Amino acid sequence: MAARPVRTLITIVMDILVFLAIVVVLRIVVEFFGALAAQAWGRSLLGVTKSLVIPFGIKSIRTPYAGAFDIGASLTVLVLLGLEWALGLVQRST
């Protein structure tokens, strides 16, 4: 009976991690296309999501679309989804 609240809490954390990964992917797409990043909503999205990206210290790659491919953001998505996967293993064992 005590495992239910733990499973629920783990599920909520997993959902938050997936949501954050989706937001960071949105950041990657907007930053990839410079025209989107130049829009007011694009600049605001990049500003808000900047704090979500783990600073790996890897420079972004310029794209032919006047944007940049943010490797740090891509690695952040991998970390977030890796944590979500690990929590899924924990959840199944409870």
PDB file of N, CA and C in Angstrom:
ATOM      1  N   MET A   1       0.813  -1.192   0.000  1.00  0.00           N
ATOM      2  CA  MET A   1       0.000   0.000   0.000  1.00  0.00           C
ATOM      3  C   MET A   1       0.860   1.260   0.000  1.00  0.00           C
ATOM      4  N   ALA A   2       2.009   1.226   0.676  1.00  0.00           N
ATOM      5  CA  ALA A   2       2.873   2.410   0.765  1.00  0.00           C
ATOM      6  C   ALA A   2       3.570   2.692  -0.554  1.00  0.00           C
ATOM      7  N   ALA A   3       3.624   1.718  -1.434  1.00  0.00           N
ATOM      8  CA  ALA A   3       4.306   1.919  -2.716  1.00  0.00           C
ATOM      9  C   ALA A   3       3.499   2.812  -3.649  1.00  0.00           C
ATOM     10  N   ARG A   4       2.206   2.904  -3.477  1.00  0.00           N
ATOM     11  CA  ARG A   4       1.377   3.714  -4.370  1.00  0.00           C
ATOM     12  C   ARG A   4       1.774   5.186  -4.399  1.00  0.00           C
ATOM     13  N   PRO A   5       1.940   5.861  -3.246  1.00  0.00           N
ATOM     14  CA  PRO A   5       2.345   7.268  -3.295  1.00  0.00           C
ATOM     15  C   PRO A   5       3.719   7.457  -3.928  1.00  0.00           C
ATOM     16  N   VAL A   6       4.618   6.503  -3.693  1.00  0.00           N
ATOM     17  CA  VAL A   6       5.950   6.587  -4.292  1.00  0.00           C
ATOM     18  C   VAL A   6       5.849   6.454  -5.803  1.00  0.00           C
ATOM     19  N   ARG A   7       5.062   5.501  -6.277  1.00  0.00           N
ATOM     20  CA  ARG A   7       4.868   5.320  -7.721  1.00  0.00           C
ATOM     21  C   ARG A   7       4.239   6.562  -8.347  1.00  0.00           C
ATOM     22  N   THR A   8       3.281   7.153  -7.645  1.00  0.00           N
ATOM     23  CA  THR A   8       2.633   8.365  -8.152  1.00  0.00           C
ATOM     24  C   THR A   8       3.627   9.513  -8.232  1.00  0.00           C
ATOM     25  N   LEU A   9       4.440   9.668  -7.215  1.00  0.00           N
ATOM     26  CA  LEU A   9       5.458  10.720  -7.210  1.00  0.00           C
ATOM     27  C   LEU A   9       6.470  10.508  -8.326  1.00  0.00           C
ATOM     28  N   ILE A  10       6.898   9.269  -8.516  1.00  0.00           N
ATOM     29  CA  ILE A  10       7.845   8.973  -9.596  1.00  0.00           C
ATOM     30  C   ILE A  10       7.211   9.279 -10.949  1.00  0.00           C
ATOM     31  N   THR A  11       5.942   8.928 -11.122  1.00  0.00           N
ATOM     32  CA  THR A  11       5.244   9.216 -12.380  1.00  0.00           C
ATOM     33  C   THR A  11       5.175  10.711 -12.639  1.00  0.00           C
ATOM     34  N   ILE A  12       4.912  11.495 -11.615  1.00  0.00           N
ATOM     35  CA  ILE A  12       4.845  12.954 -11.778  1.00  0.00           C
ATOM     36  C   ILE A  12       6.212  13.501 -12.186  1.00  0.00           C
ATOM     37  N   VAL A  13       7.270  13.032 -11.545  1.00  0.00           N
ATOM     38  CA  VAL A  13       8.623  13.489 -11.896  1.00  0.00           C
ATOM     39  C   VAL A  13       8.962  13.073 -13.329  1.00  0.00           C
ATOM     40  N   MET A  14       8.577  11.862 -13.719  1.00  0.00           N
ATOM     41  CA  MET A  14       8.821  11.401 -15.095  1.00  0.00           C
ATOM     42  C   MET A  14       8.089  12.285 -16.100  1.00  0.00           C
ATOM     43  N   ASP A  15       6.852  12.630 -15.801  1.00  0.00           N
ATOM     44  CA  ASP A  15       6.081  13.505 -16.689  1.00  0.00           C
ATOM     45  C   ASP A  15       6.729  14.880 -16.813  1.00  0.00           C
ATOM     46  N   ILE A  16       7.238  15.405 -15.713  1.00  0.00           N
ATOM     47  CA  ILE A  16       7.907  16.712 -15.742  1.00  0.00           C
ATOM     48  C   ILE A  16       9.172  16.635 -16.589  1.00  0.00           C
ATOM     49  N   LEU A  17       9.933  15.556 -16.461  1.00  0.00           N
ATOM     50  CA  LEU A  17      11.151  15.398 -17.260  1.00  0.00           C
ATOM     51  C   LEU A  17      10.836  15.335 -18.756  1.00  0.00           C
ATOM     52  N   VAL A  18       9.787  14.614 -19.120  1.00  0.00           N
ATOM     53  CA  VAL A  18       9.395  14.537 -20.535  1.00  0.00           C
ATOM     54  C   VAL A  18       8.940  15.909 -21.022  1.00  0.00           C
ATOM     55  N   PHE A  19       8.178  16.628 -20.215  1.00  0.00           N
ATOM     56  CA  PHE A  19       7.738  17.968 -20.597  1.00  0.00           C
ATOM     57  C   PHE A  19       8.940  18.891 -20.823  1.00  0.00           C
ATOM     58  N   LEU A  20       9.905  18.848 -19.907  1.00  0.00           N
ATOM     59  CA  LEU A  20      11.103  19.685 -20.064  1.00  0.00           C
ATOM     60  C   LEU A  20      11.879  19.303 -21.316  1.00  0.00           C
ATOM     61  N   ALA A  21      11.959  18.014 -21.615  1.00  0.00           N
ATOM     62  CA  ALA A  21      12.650  17.573 -22.827  1.00  0.00           C
ATOM     63  C   ALA A  21      11.940  18.110 -24.075  1.00  0.00           C
ATOM     64  N   ILE A  22      10.633  18.111 -24.076  1.00  0.00           N
ATOM     65  CA  ILE A  22       9.875  18.639 -25.222  1.00  0.00           C
ATOM     66  C   ILE A  22      10.126  20.132 -25.379  1.00  0.00           C
ATOM     67  N   VAL A  23      10.153  20.856 -24.280  1.00  0.00           N
ATOM     68  CA  VAL A  23      10.419  22.296 -24.333  1.00  0.00           C
ATOM     69  C   VAL A  23      11.817  22.563 -24.874  1.00  0.00           C
ATOM     70  N   VAL A  24      12.794  21.773 -24.460  1.00  0.00           N
ATOM     71  CA  VAL A  24      14.164  21.963 -24.955  1.00  0.00           C
ATOM     72  C   VAL A  24      14.249  21.606 -26.440  1.00  0.00           C
ATOM     73  N   VAL A  25      13.518  20.596 -26.884  1.00  0.00           N
ATOM     74  CA  VAL A  25      13.486  20.269 -28.312  1.00  0.00           C
ATOM     75  C   VAL A  25      12.888  21.435 -29.092  1.00  0.00           C
ATOM     76  N   LEU A  26      11.859  22.050 -28.561  1.00  0.00           N
ATOM     77  CA  LEU A  26      11.277  23.231 -29.203  1.00  0.00           C
ATOM     78  C   LEU A  26      12.331  24.333 -29.316  1.00  0.00           C
ATOM     79  N   ARG A  27      13.127  24.513 -28.271  1.00  0.00           N
ATOM     80  CA  ARG A  27      14.217  25.488 -28.303  1.00  0.00           C
ATOM     81  C   ARG A  27      15.207  25.150 -29.418  1.00  0.00           C
ATOM     82  N   ILE A  28      15.549  23.873 -29.559  1.00  0.00           N
ATOM     83  CA  ILE A  28      16.498  23.451 -30.591  1.00  0.00           C
ATOM     84  C   ILE A  28      15.972  23.807 -31.975  1.00  0.00           C
ATOM     85  N   VAL A  29      14.702  23.539 -32.215  1.00  0.00           N
ATOM     86  CA  VAL A  29      14.106  23.824 -33.527  1.00  0.00           C
ATOM     87  C   VAL A  29      14.097  25.323 -33.805  1.00  0.00           C
ATOM     88  N   VAL A  30      13.691  26.120 -32.825  1.00  0.00           N
ATOM     89  CA  VAL A  30      13.627  27.575 -33.019  1.00  0.00           C
ATOM     90  C   VAL A  30      15.027  28.136 -33.264  1.00  0.00           C
ATOM     91  N   GLU A  31      15.995  27.661 -32.497  1.00  0.00           N
ATOM     92  CA  GLU A  31      17.359  28.157 -32.655  1.00  0.00           C
ATOM     93  C   GLU A  31      17.979  27.692 -33.969  1.00  0.00           C
ATOM     94  N   PHE A  32      17.589  26.520 -34.443  1.00  0.00           N
ATOM     95  CA  PHE A  32      18.115  25.971 -35.696  1.00  0.00           C
ATOM     96  C   PHE A  32      17.759  26.865 -36.882  1.00  0.00           C
ATOM     97  N   PHE A  33      16.537  27.365 -36.864  1.00  0.00           N
ATOM     98  CA  PHE A  33      16.082  28.236 -37.937  1.00  0.00           C
ATOM     99  C   PHE A  33      16.159  29.679 -37.448  1.00  0.00           C
ATOM    100  N   GLY A  34      17.133  30.416 -37.959  1.00  0.00           N
ATOM    101  CA  GLY A  34      17.380  31.776 -37.516  1.00  0.00           C
ATOM    102  C   GLY A  34      16.178  32.694 -37.668  1.00  0.00           C
ATOM    103  N   ALA A  35      15.347  32.451 -38.701  1.00  0.00           N
ATOM    104  CA  ALA A  35      14.164  33.295 -38.900  1.00  0.00           C
ATOM    105  C   ALA A  35      13.184  33.147 -37.737  1.00  0.00           C
ATOM    106  N   LEU A  36      13.080  31.957 -37.198  1.00  0.00           N
ATOM    107  CA  LEU A  36      12.203  31.761 -36.037  1.00  0.00           C
ATOM    108  C   LEU A  36      12.809  32.400 -34.792  1.00  0.00           C
ATOM    109  N   ALA A  37      14.123  32.251 -34.640  1.00  0.00           N
ATOM    110  CA  ALA A  37      14.797  32.825 -33.472  1.00  0.00           C
ATOM    111  C   ALA A  37      14.775  34.347 -33.498  1.00  0.00           C
ATOM    112  N   ALA A  38      14.620  34.951 -34.675  1.00  0.00           N
ATOM    113  CA  ALA A  38      14.605  36.409 -34.793  1.00  0.00           C
ATOM    114  C   ALA A  38      13.245  37.010 -34.447  1.00  0.00           C
ATOM    115  N   GLN A  39      12.206  36.189 -34.419  1.00  0.00           N
ATOM    116  CA  GLN A  39      10.875  36.679 -34.060  1.00  0.00           C
ATOM    117  C   GLN A  39      10.839  37.007 -32.563  1.00  0.00           C
ATOM    118  N   ALA A  40       9.944  37.875 -32.178  1.00  0.00           N
ATOM    119  CA  ALA A  40       9.830  38.256 -30.764  1.00  0.00           C
ATOM    120  C   ALA A  40       9.519  37.050 -29.883  1.00  0.00           C
ATOM    121  N   TRP A  41       8.597  36.196 -30.313  1.00  0.00           N
ATOM    122  CA  TRP A  41       8.254  35.024 -29.526  1.00  0.00           C
ATOM    123  C   TRP A  41       9.417  34.038 -29.485  1.00  0.00           C
ATOM    124  N   GLY A  42      10.193  33.981 -30.570  1.00  0.00           N
ATOM    125  CA  GLY A  42      11.356  33.095 -30.610  1.00  0.00           C
ATOM    126  C   GLY A  42      12.441  33.548 -29.645  1.00  0.00           C
ATOM    127  N   ARG A  43      12.706  34.857 -29.629  1.00  0.00           N
ATOM    128  CA  ARG A  43      13.692  35.395 -28.676  1.00  0.00           C
ATOM    129  C   ARG A  43      13.247  35.155 -27.248  1.00  0.00           C
ATOM    130  N   SER A  44      11.968  35.330 -27.009  1.00  0.00           N
ATOM    131  CA  SER A  44      11.466  35.120 -25.659  1.00  0.00           C
ATOM    132  C   SER A  44      11.543  33.643 -25.269  1.00  0.00           C
ATOM    133  N   LEU A  45      11.237  32.739 -26.192  1.00  0.00           N
ATOM    134  CA  LEU A  45      11.350  31.304 -25.910  1.00  0.00           C
ATOM    135  C   LEU A  45      12.800  30.932 -25.620  1.00  0.00           C
ATOM    136  N   LEU A  46      13.730  31.459 -26.422  1.00  0.00           N
ATOM    137  CA  LEU A  46      15.146  31.164 -26.202  1.00  0.00           C
ATOM    138  C   LEU A  46      15.606  31.711 -24.857  1.00  0.00           C
ATOM    139  N   GLY A  47      15.111  32.877 -24.479  1.00  0.00           N
ATOM    140  CA  GLY A  47      15.481  33.447 -23.188  1.00  0.00           C
ATOM    141  C   GLY A  47      14.967  32.635 -22.016  1.00  0.00           C
ATOM    142  N   VAL A  48      13.732  32.181 -22.123  1.00  0.00           N
ATOM    143  CA  VAL A  48      13.113  31.416 -21.036  1.00  0.00           C
ATOM    144  C   VAL A  48      13.762  30.034 -20.904  1.00  0.00           C
ATOM    145  N   THR A  49      14.072  29.414 -22.024  1.00  0.00           N
ATOM    146  CA  THR A  49      14.594  28.049 -21.983  1.00  0.00           C
ATOM    147  C   THR A  49      16.110  27.984 -21.795  1.00  0.00           C
ATOM    148  N   LYS A  50      16.766  29.129 -21.803  1.00  0.00           N
ATOM    149  CA  LYS A  50      18.224  29.134 -21.631  1.00  0.00           C
ATOM    150  C   LYS A  50      18.630  28.484 -20.316  1.00  0.00           C
ATOM    151  N   SER A  51      17.844  28.697 -19.279  1.00  0.00           N
ATOM    152  CA  SER A  51      18.182  28.147 -17.964  1.00  0.00           C
ATOM    153  C   SER A  51      17.987  26.626 -17.899  1.00  0.00           C
ATOM    154  N   LEU A  52      17.274  26.042 -18.854  1.00  0.00           N
ATOM    155  CA  LEU A  52      17.053  24.600 -18.850  1.00  0.00           C
ATOM    156  C   LEU A  52      18.222  23.823 -19.447  1.00  0.00           C
ATOM    157  N   VAL A  53      19.060  24.505 -20.239  1.00  0.00           N
ATOM    158  CA  VAL A  53      20.149  23.829 -20.949  1.00  0.00           C
ATOM    159  C   VAL A  53      21.345  23.660 -20.016  1.00  0.00           C
ATOM    160  N   ILE A  54      21.828  22.433 -19.928  1.00  0.00           N
ATOM    161  CA  ILE A  54      23.008  22.138 -19.110  1.00  0.00           C
ATOM    162  C   ILE A  54      24.231  22.699 -19.833  1.00  0.00           C
ATOM    163  N   PRO A  55      25.066  23.487 -19.153  1.00  0.00           N
ATOM    164  CA  PRO A  55      26.230  24.091 -19.828  1.00  0.00           C
ATOM    165  C   PRO A  55      27.376  23.082 -19.990  1.00  0.00           C
ATOM    166  N   PHE A  56      27.406  22.413 -21.121  1.00  0.00           N
ATOM    167  CA  PHE A  56      28.449  21.432 -21.405  1.00  0.00           C
ATOM    168  C   PHE A  56      29.725  22.091 -21.928  1.00  0.00           C
ATOM    169  N   GLY A  57      29.626  23.347 -22.358  1.00  0.00           N
ATOM    170  CA  GLY A  57      30.793  24.051 -22.872  1.00  0.00           C
ATOM    171  C   GLY A  57      31.118  23.732 -24.323  1.00  0.00           C
ATOM    172  N   ILE A  58      30.169  23.161 -25.046  1.00  0.00           N
ATOM    173  CA  ILE A  58      30.375  22.828 -26.457  1.00  0.00           C
ATOM    174  C   ILE A  58      29.737  23.923 -27.307  1.00  0.00           C
ATOM    175  N   LYS A  59      30.500  24.422 -28.262  1.00  0.00           N
ATOM    176  CA  LYS A  59      29.982  25.496 -29.108  1.00  0.00           C
ATOM    177  C   LYS A  59      28.902  24.984 -30.052  1.00  0.00           C
ATOM    178  N   SER A  60      27.955  25.856 -30.349  1.00  0.00           N
ATOM    179  CA  SER A  60      26.895  25.534 -31.302  1.00  0.00           C
ATOM    180  C   SER A  60      27.462  25.530 -32.712  1.00  0.00           C
ATOM    181  N   ILE A  61      26.790  24.797 -33.591  1.00  0.00           N
ATOM    182  CA  ILE A  61      27.197  24.716 -34.994  1.00  0.00           C
ATOM    183  C   ILE A  61      26.278  25.612 -35.807  1.00  0.00           C
ATOM    184  N   ARG A  62      26.839  26.467 -36.627  1.00  0.00           N
ATOM    185  CA  ARG A  62      26.040  27.342 -37.491  1.00  0.00           C
ATOM    186  C   ARG A  62      25.298  26.503 -38.520  1.00  0.00           C
ATOM    187  N   THR A  63      24.069  26.894 -38.818  1.00  0.00           N
ATOM    188  CA  THR A  63      23.274  26.169 -39.808  1.00  0.00           C
ATOM    189  C   THR A  63      23.137  27.003 -41.071  1.00  0.00           C
ATOM    190  N   PRO A  64      22.800  26.377 -42.187  1.00  0.00           N
ATOM    191  CA  PRO A  64      22.585  27.140 -43.417  1.00  0.00           C
ATOM    192  C   PRO A  64      21.295  27.965 -43.384  1.00  0.00           C
ATOM    193  N   TYR A  65      20.567  27.903 -42.285  1.00  0.00           N
ATOM    194  CA  TYR A  65      19.302  28.621 -42.153  1.00  0.00           C
ATOM    195  C   TYR A  65      19.445  29.832 -41.245  1.00  0.00           C
ATOM    196  N   ALA A  66      20.657  30.359 -41.142  1.00  0.00           N
ATOM    197  CA  ALA A  66      20.980  31.541 -40.330  1.00  0.00           C
ATOM    198  C   ALA A  66      20.721  31.308 -38.849  1.00  0.00           C
ATOM    199  N   GLY A  67      20.804  30.072 -38.430  1.00  0.00           N
ATOM    200  CA  GLY A  67      20.611  29.734 -37.030  1.00  0.00           C
ATOM    201  C   GLY A  67      21.796  28.967 -36.498  1.00  0.00           C
ATOM    202  N   ALA A  68      21.566  28.208 -35.457  1.00  0.00           N
ATOM    203  CA  ALA A  68      22.628  27.414 -34.846  1.00  0.00           C
ATOM    204  C   ALA A  68      22.033  26.116 -34.297  1.00  0.00           C
ATOM    205  N   PHE A  69      22.829  25.057 -34.380  1.00  0.00           N
ATOM    206  CA  PHE A  69      22.439  23.786 -33.778  1.00  0.00           C
ATOM    207  C   PHE A  69      23.100  23.712 -32.415  1.00  0.00           C
ATOM    208  N   ASP A  70      22.291  23.781 -31.372  1.00  0.00           N
ATOM    209  CA  ASP A  70      22.781  23.828 -30.000  1.00  0.00           C
ATOM    210  C   ASP A  70      23.052  22.410 -29.505  1.00  0.00           C
ATOM    211  N   ILE A  71      24.320  22.035 -29.495  1.00  0.00           N
ATOM    212  CA  ILE A  71      24.699  20.693 -29.069  1.00  0.00           C
ATOM    213  C   ILE A  71      24.425  20.514 -27.577  1.00  0.00           C
ATOM    214  N   GLY A  72      24.646  21.560 -26.797  1.00  0.00           N
ATOM    215  CA  GLY A  72      24.365  21.483 -25.362  1.00  0.00           C
ATOM    216  C   GLY A  72      22.900  21.184 -25.081  1.00  0.00           C
ATOM    217  N   ALA A  73      22.015  21.804 -25.845  1.00  0.00           N
ATOM    218  CA  ALA A  73      20.580  21.544 -25.667  1.00  0.00           C
ATOM    219  C   ALA A  73      20.243  20.114 -26.077  1.00  0.00           C
ATOM    220  N   SER A  74      20.880  19.636 -27.132  1.00  0.00           N
ATOM    221  CA  SER A  74      20.636  18.253 -27.569  1.00  0.00           C
ATOM    222  C   SER A  74      21.096  17.260 -26.512  1.00  0.00           C
ATOM    223  N   LEU A  75      22.256  17.518 -25.919  1.00  0.00           N
ATOM    224  CA  LEU A  75      22.740  16.649 -24.851  1.00  0.00           C
ATOM    225  C   LEU A  75      21.847  16.742 -23.614  1.00  0.00           C
ATOM    226  N   THR A  76      21.292  17.919 -23.378  1.00  0.00           N
ATOM    227  CA  THR A  76      20.365  18.094 -22.260  1.00  0.00           C
ATOM    228  C   THR A  76      19.125  17.221 -22.443  1.00  0.00           C
ATOM    229  N   VAL A  77      18.617  17.163 -23.676  1.00  0.00           N
ATOM    230  CA  VAL A  77      17.461  16.302 -23.960  1.00  0.00           C
ATOM    231  C   VAL A  77      17.823  14.845 -23.670  1.00  0.00           C
ATOM    232  N   LEU A  78      19.031  14.431 -24.079  1.00  0.00           N
ATOM    233  CA  LEU A  78      19.454  13.056 -23.803  1.00  0.00           C
ATOM    234  C   LEU A  78      19.532  12.784 -22.299  1.00  0.00           C
ATOM    235  N   VAL A  79      20.043  13.741 -21.540  1.00  0.00           N
ATOM    236  CA  VAL A  79      20.138  13.577 -20.084  1.00  0.00           C
ATOM    237  C   VAL A  79      18.740  13.490 -19.471  1.00  0.00           C
ATOM    238  N   LEU A  80      17.850  14.387 -19.878  1.00  0.00           N
ATOM    239  CA  LEU A  80      16.490  14.384 -19.332  1.00  0.00           C
ATOM    240  C   LEU A  80      15.769  13.068 -19.630  1.00  0.00           C
ATOM    241  N   LEU A  81      15.883  12.603 -20.874  1.00  0.00           N
ATOM    242  CA  LEU A  81      15.211  11.354 -21.229  1.00  0.00           C
ATOM    243  C   LEU A  81      15.894  10.150 -20.597  1.00  0.00           C
ATOM    244  N   GLY A  82      17.199  10.220 -20.383  1.00  0.00           N
ATOM    245  CA  GLY A  82      17.900   9.154 -19.676  1.00  0.00           C
ATOM    246  C   GLY A  82      17.446   9.063 -18.227  1.00  0.00           C
ATOM    247  N   LEU A  83      17.282  10.216 -17.583  1.00  0.00           N
ATOM    248  CA  LEU A  83      16.764  10.233 -16.212  1.00  0.00           C
ATOM    249  C   LEU A  83      15.339   9.684 -16.160  1.00  0.00           C
ATOM    250  N   GLU A  84      14.535  10.054 -17.138  1.00  0.00           N
ATOM    251  CA  GLU A  84      13.154   9.571 -17.194  1.00  0.00           C
ATOM    252  C   GLU A  84      13.134   8.055 -17.349  1.00  0.00           C
ATOM    253  N   TRP A  85      14.012   7.533 -18.187  1.00  0.00           N
ATOM    254  CA  TRP A  85      14.103   6.092 -18.401  1.00  0.00           C
ATOM    255  C   TRP A  85      14.519   5.384 -17.103  1.00  0.00           C
ATOM    256  N   ALA A  86      15.532   5.952 -16.417  1.00  0.00           N
ATOM    257  CA  ALA A  86      15.996   5.356 -15.166  1.00  0.00           C
ATOM    258  C   ALA A  86      14.882   5.351 -14.108  1.00  0.00           C
ATOM    259  N   LEU A  87      14.134   6.459 -14.037  1.00  0.00           N
ATOM    260  CA  LEU A  87      13.009   6.505 -13.107  1.00  0.00           C
ATOM    261  C   LEU A  87      11.936   5.480 -13.473  1.00  0.00           C
ATOM    262  N   GLY A  88      11.788   5.220 -14.774  1.00  0.00           N
ATOM    263  CA  GLY A  88      10.841   4.194 -15.202  1.00  0.00           C
ATOM    264  C   GLY A  88      11.240   2.823 -14.697  1.00  0.00           C
ATOM    265  N   LEU A  89      12.553   2.560 -14.692  1.00  0.00           N
ATOM    266  CA  LEU A  89      13.041   1.286 -14.146  1.00  0.00           C
ATOM    267  C   LEU A  89      12.758   1.203 -12.652  1.00  0.00           C
ATOM    268  N   VAL A  90      12.987   2.310 -11.955  1.00  0.00           N
ATOM    269  CA  VAL A  90      12.717   2.344 -10.504  1.00  0.00           C
ATOM    270  C   VAL A  90      11.227   2.157 -10.249  1.00  0.00           C
ATOM    271  N   GLN A  91      10.411   2.813 -11.049  1.00  0.00           N
ATOM    272  CA  GLN A  91       8.958   2.737 -10.859  1.00  0.00           C
ATOM    273  C   GLN A  91       8.464   1.301 -11.053  1.00  0.00           C
ATOM    274  N   ARG A  92       9.001   0.614 -12.039  1.00  0.00           N
ATOM    275  CA  ARG A  92       8.568  -0.757 -12.278  1.00  0.00           C
ATOM    276  C   ARG A  92       8.985  -1.713 -11.163  1.00  0.00           C
ATOM    277  N   SER A  93      10.063  -1.347 -10.449  1.00  0.00           N
ATOM    278  CA  SER A  93      10.521  -2.229  -9.374  1.00  0.00           C
ATOM    279  C   SER A  93       9.810  -1.953  -8.040  1.00  0.00           C
ATOM    280  N   THR A  94       9.024  -0.867  -7.984  1.00  0.00           N
ATOM    281  CA  THR A  94       8.317  -0.581  -6.720  1.00  0.00           C
ATOM    282  C   THR A  94       6.934  -1.176  -6.713  1.00  0.00           C
TER     283      THR A  94
END
